[in-house]
Amino acid sequence: MRISEKTLRFIKDHAQRIEKHPNHEYSDNEDEIARGINKLFEISKRLCEIYEKI
């Protein structure tokens, strides 16, 4: 499965926001979304590492 450029850009932008404002208080809904995106980001990063080894 291929991740679209739009999705990758969204994940990257979100990761950069977290790096700039690590102590930002998210609302419950934003927090849930942030956790989901962070998990996707970690999975994507791991998939890239695996892909590079192939």
Protein backbone atom coordinates (compact mmCIF):
# COMPACT_ATOMS: atom_id res chain seq x y z
CA MET A 1 0.00 0.00 0.00
CA ARG A 2 1.34 3.41 -0.98
CA ILE A 3 0.85 6.51 1.16
CA SER A 4 -0.17 9.56 -0.85
CA GLU A 5 1.99 12.69 -0.96
CA LYS A 6 -0.88 14.65 0.63
CA THR A 7 -1.00 12.25 3.59
CA LEU A 8 2.78 12.31 4.02
CA ARG A 9 2.77 16.12 3.95
CA PHE A 10 -0.04 16.18 6.55
CA ILE A 11 1.87 13.79 8.84
CA LYS A 12 5.11 15.75 8.41
CA ASP A 13 3.38 19.08 9.16
CA HIS A 14 1.79 17.62 12.27
CA ALA A 15 5.10 16.18 13.47
CA GLN A 16 6.77 19.58 13.00
CA ARG A 17 3.99 21.26 15.01
CA ILE A 18 4.53 18.78 17.84
CA GLU A 19 8.29 19.43 17.78
CA LYS A 20 7.74 23.21 17.93
CA HIS A 21 5.06 23.04 20.65
CA PRO A 22 5.62 19.80 22.60
CA ASN A 23 3.67 21.04 25.64
CA HIS A 24 0.61 22.18 23.69
CA GLU A 25 -2.62 21.14 25.42
CA TYR A 26 -4.91 19.43 22.94
CA SER A 27 -8.66 19.14 23.42
CA ASP A 28 -9.91 15.56 23.78
CA ASN A 29 -10.72 15.29 20.08
CA GLU A 30 -7.44 16.90 18.98
CA ASP A 31 -5.56 14.65 21.40
CA GLU A 32 -7.15 11.54 19.90
CA ILE A 33 -6.32 12.74 16.38
CA ALA A 34 -2.76 13.61 17.43
CA ARG A 35 -2.23 10.14 18.93
CA GLY A 36 -3.54 8.53 15.75
CA ILE A 37 -1.32 10.65 13.52
CA ASN A 38 1.69 10.01 15.75
CA LYS A 39 1.06 6.28 15.51
CA LEU A 40 0.74 6.55 11.71
CA PHE A 41 3.95 8.57 11.60
CA GLU A 42 5.83 5.92 13.61
CA ILE A 43 4.45 3.13 11.40
CA SER A 44 5.38 5.07 8.25
CA LYS A 45 8.89 5.69 9.56
CA ARG A 46 9.32 1.99 10.38
CA LEU A 47 8.00 0.96 6.95
CA CYS A 48 10.53 3.29 5.30
CA GLU A 49 13.33 1.71 7.34
CA ILE A 50 12.20 -1.78 6.30
CA TYR A 51 11.83 -0.72 2.67
CA GLU A 52 15.39 0.68 2.62
CA LYS A 53 16.74 -2.71 3.76
CA ILE A 54 15.03 -4.56 0.88
